[in-house]
Each structure stands twice: as C-alpha cells, then as structure tokens.
C-alpha cells in the first residue's frame, strides 16, 4: 500500500481520475428533455428535419435523431445549449420555451453534473393542425401489374 506524504489530504476513489462528457451526450439529453414538453412538435429547422428523416432510414442513422436541432458547447464544468423548436399551433410560445428551458436544465444538470449556463431557443416553425408531418414516411406507391 502506498502512503501519502504527511499532511497531504487523502483522496477518495471518486476523486482519482477525470470524467469528460462529449457534446453529443449533452445534446441527446437536452433533445429528449425538450421533446417531453407539451407543445413541442419537433426539434430542428425544416431542412434539418427533412435531412434527418432521410438519415433515419439509413441503418445506424437513427442515433442522430435524439440530438437533431440541438447544439451544445461543453466545458469542464459548464455547458451552453442552442435549440431549434417547432411548436404546435395554439400554444403559448413563451410558456413552451420556459418549460423547455426548465426541463432541459434539470435533466442535463441531474444527469451530467454540469452547470447549464444558458439555453437559447429559436422557434423555427409552427405545426398547423391540418399539415402533414414531414417526418412521417410517405406511403408506398401502389403498383399495378400489367397483363
């Protein structure tokens, strides 16, 4: 057993080593937390959702869906987040944004131990009740057999 120098503080096992958290981990946590809030229809701009829905159809591409529309900058003890939201028509955007911030901050801080210094939200679209969903798969075209 190794002895520490006299007067030196004894470090516990939890203090030996360093933990780093990748930006993508924080982005996924924030994306899932934002989607839990009522009134959030989707994350990402229209183009990002279109490209993402194509990527989701490729094997292994669905992993990026959880973090679509989220950008994180992660430091050693703090993180800052930017989110792009599509909200449902009729909801209070201010209330949805507040609820998203609260849920994202609580989830990221609880799971990572990082301090969330800011959550910037850009509402990029409103989902109207009669609009089709861009993320849904288009139905297969019917094929008729020629005789």
Protein backbone atom coordinates (compact mmCIF):
# COMPACT_ATOMS: atom_id res chain seq x y z
CA UNK A 1 0.00 0.00 0.00
CA UNK A 2 1.32 3.45 -0.87
CA UNK A 3 1.38 6.06 1.83
CA UNK A 4 0.69 9.72 1.10
CA UNK A 5 3.01 12.48 2.18
CA UNK A 6 2.48 13.73 5.76
CA UNK A 7 -0.18 16.45 5.85
CA UNK A 8 -1.37 15.69 2.32
CA UNK A 9 -5.12 15.22 2.01
CA UNK A 10 -6.19 11.66 1.36
CA UNK A 11 -8.18 11.40 -1.88
CA UNK A 12 -11.12 9.06 -2.08
CA UNK A 13 -11.69 6.78 -5.05
CA UNK A 14 -14.20 9.21 -6.59
CA UNK A 15 -11.53 11.92 -6.79
CA UNK A 16 -8.99 9.83 -8.69
CA UNK A 17 -9.30 10.47 -12.36
CA UNK A 18 -11.24 12.69 -14.69
CA UNK A 19 -14.62 12.35 -16.37
CA UNK A 20 -15.30 14.05 -19.69
CA UNK A 21 -18.71 14.32 -21.30
CA UNK A 22 -18.95 14.64 -25.08
CA UNK A 23 -21.05 17.38 -26.69
CA UNK A 24 -23.21 14.71 -28.32
CA UNK A 25 -24.16 13.21 -24.96
CA UNK A 26 -25.42 16.56 -23.68
CA UNK A 27 -27.19 17.19 -27.00
CA UNK A 28 -29.08 13.89 -26.74
CA UNK A 29 -30.12 14.52 -23.14
CA UNK A 30 -31.30 18.04 -24.00
CA UNK A 31 -33.14 16.86 -27.11
CA UNK A 32 -35.03 14.17 -25.26
CA UNK A 33 -35.86 16.55 -22.39
CA UNK A 34 -37.17 19.19 -24.83
CA UNK A 35 -39.38 16.65 -26.62
CA UNK A 36 -41.04 15.74 -23.29
CA UNK A 37 -42.60 19.21 -23.05
CA UNK A 38 -46.21 19.50 -24.26
CA UNK A 39 -46.46 21.87 -27.23
CA UNK A 40 -43.10 20.88 -28.73
CA UNK A 41 -43.86 19.24 -32.06
CA UNK A 42 -40.28 18.64 -33.23
CA UNK A 43 -36.73 19.90 -32.97
CA UNK A 44 -34.68 21.32 -35.82
CA UNK A 45 -35.36 23.58 -38.77
CA UNK A 46 -37.38 22.33 -41.72
CA UNK A 47 -34.25 21.46 -43.68
CA UNK A 48 -32.66 19.68 -40.73
CA UNK A 49 -35.82 17.63 -40.17
CA UNK A 50 -36.01 16.68 -43.86
CA UNK A 51 -32.36 15.62 -44.00
CA UNK A 52 -32.73 13.90 -40.63
CA UNK A 53 -35.75 11.88 -41.74
CA UNK A 54 -33.70 10.62 -44.70
CA UNK A 55 -30.78 9.84 -42.40
CA UNK A 56 -33.11 7.93 -40.06
CA UNK A 57 -33.92 5.49 -42.87
CA UNK A 58 -30.26 4.55 -43.26
CA UNK A 59 -29.06 1.80 -40.89
CA UNK A 60 -27.41 3.45 -37.88
CA UNK A 61 -28.77 6.89 -38.80
CA UNK A 62 -31.50 6.98 -36.14
CA UNK A 63 -28.89 7.64 -33.46
CA UNK A 64 -28.71 11.29 -34.54
CA UNK A 65 -32.49 11.82 -34.26
CA UNK A 66 -32.35 12.41 -30.49
CA UNK A 67 -29.95 15.34 -30.87
CA UNK A 68 -31.42 16.88 -34.03
CA UNK A 69 -31.98 20.61 -33.52
CA UNK A 70 -29.66 20.81 -30.50
CA UNK A 71 -26.15 22.24 -30.32
CA UNK A 72 -24.11 22.03 -27.12
CA UNK A 73 -20.82 23.59 -26.10
CA UNK A 74 -19.43 21.59 -23.21
CA UNK A 75 -16.61 22.74 -20.96
CA UNK A 76 -15.15 21.05 -17.90
CA UNK A 77 -17.89 22.20 -15.50
CA UNK A 78 -20.38 24.17 -17.62
CA UNK A 79 -22.40 23.83 -20.80
CA UNK A 80 -24.43 26.12 -23.05
CA UNK A 81 -27.17 24.91 -25.36
CA UNK A 82 -28.91 26.15 -28.51
CA UNK A 83 -32.22 24.53 -29.51
CA UNK A 84 -34.38 24.92 -32.61
CA UNK A 85 -38.04 24.13 -31.91
CA UNK A 86 -41.18 23.58 -33.93
CA UNK A 87 -44.20 24.24 -31.72
CA UNK A 88 -47.80 23.18 -32.11
CA UNK A 89 -50.24 25.84 -33.28
CA UNK A 90 -52.23 27.43 -30.45
CA UNK A 91 -49.73 27.00 -27.63
CA UNK A 92 -48.07 29.91 -25.86
CA UNK A 93 -44.57 30.01 -27.32
CA UNK A 94 -43.30 31.88 -24.26
CA UNK A 95 -44.69 29.19 -21.92
CA UNK A 96 -43.36 26.34 -24.04
CA UNK A 97 -39.90 27.94 -24.19
CA UNK A 98 -39.89 28.43 -20.41
CA UNK A 99 -40.93 24.81 -19.81
CA UNK A 100 -38.30 23.55 -22.28
CA UNK A 101 -35.59 25.56 -20.51
CA UNK A 102 -36.65 24.24 -17.11
CA UNK A 103 -36.80 20.61 -18.24
CA UNK A 104 -33.54 20.78 -20.21
CA UNK A 105 -31.62 22.45 -17.37
CA UNK A 106 -32.96 19.97 -14.79
CA UNK A 107 -32.22 16.91 -16.96
CA UNK A 108 -28.74 17.95 -18.09
CA UNK A 109 -27.63 19.07 -14.64
CA UNK A 110 -29.03 15.95 -12.95
CA UNK A 111 -27.50 13.51 -15.43
CA UNK A 112 -24.14 15.16 -16.09
CA UNK A 113 -23.38 17.33 -13.06
CA UNK A 114 -22.55 20.18 -15.45
CA UNK A 115 -23.90 23.66 -14.77
CA UNK A 116 -26.13 24.80 -17.63
CA UNK A 117 -25.29 28.49 -18.09
CA UNK A 118 -27.78 29.19 -20.88
CA UNK A 119 -30.40 27.55 -23.08
CA UNK A 120 -31.05 29.62 -26.20
CA UNK A 121 -34.24 28.71 -28.05
CA UNK A 122 -35.12 29.58 -31.63
CA UNK A 123 -38.68 28.76 -32.69
CA UNK A 124 -38.28 27.96 -36.38
CA UNK A 125 -41.81 26.86 -37.29
CA UNK A 126 -45.37 26.30 -36.10
CA UNK A 127 -47.08 22.98 -36.81
CA UNK A 128 -50.59 23.66 -38.07
CA UNK A 129 -53.31 21.09 -37.30
CA UNK A 130 -54.01 20.35 -40.97
CA UNK A 131 -50.37 20.00 -42.06
CA UNK A 132 -48.91 16.59 -42.76
CA UNK A 133 -45.92 15.55 -40.72
CA UNK A 134 -42.64 15.83 -42.65
CA UNK A 135 -41.04 13.14 -40.53
CA UNK A 136 -43.67 10.53 -41.36
CA UNK A 137 -42.81 8.04 -44.04
CA UNK A 138 -44.59 8.53 -47.30
CA UNK A 139 -46.88 5.62 -48.17
CA UNK A 140 -45.54 3.10 -50.62
CA UNK A 141 -46.86 3.76 -54.13
CA UNK A 142 -49.35 1.17 -55.26
CA UNK A 143 -48.09 -0.98 -58.08
CA UNK A 144 -50.35 -2.37 -60.66
CA UNK A 145 -49.43 -5.41 -62.63
CA UNK A 146 -49.61 -5.15 -66.35
CA UNK A 147 -51.11 -8.11 -68.03
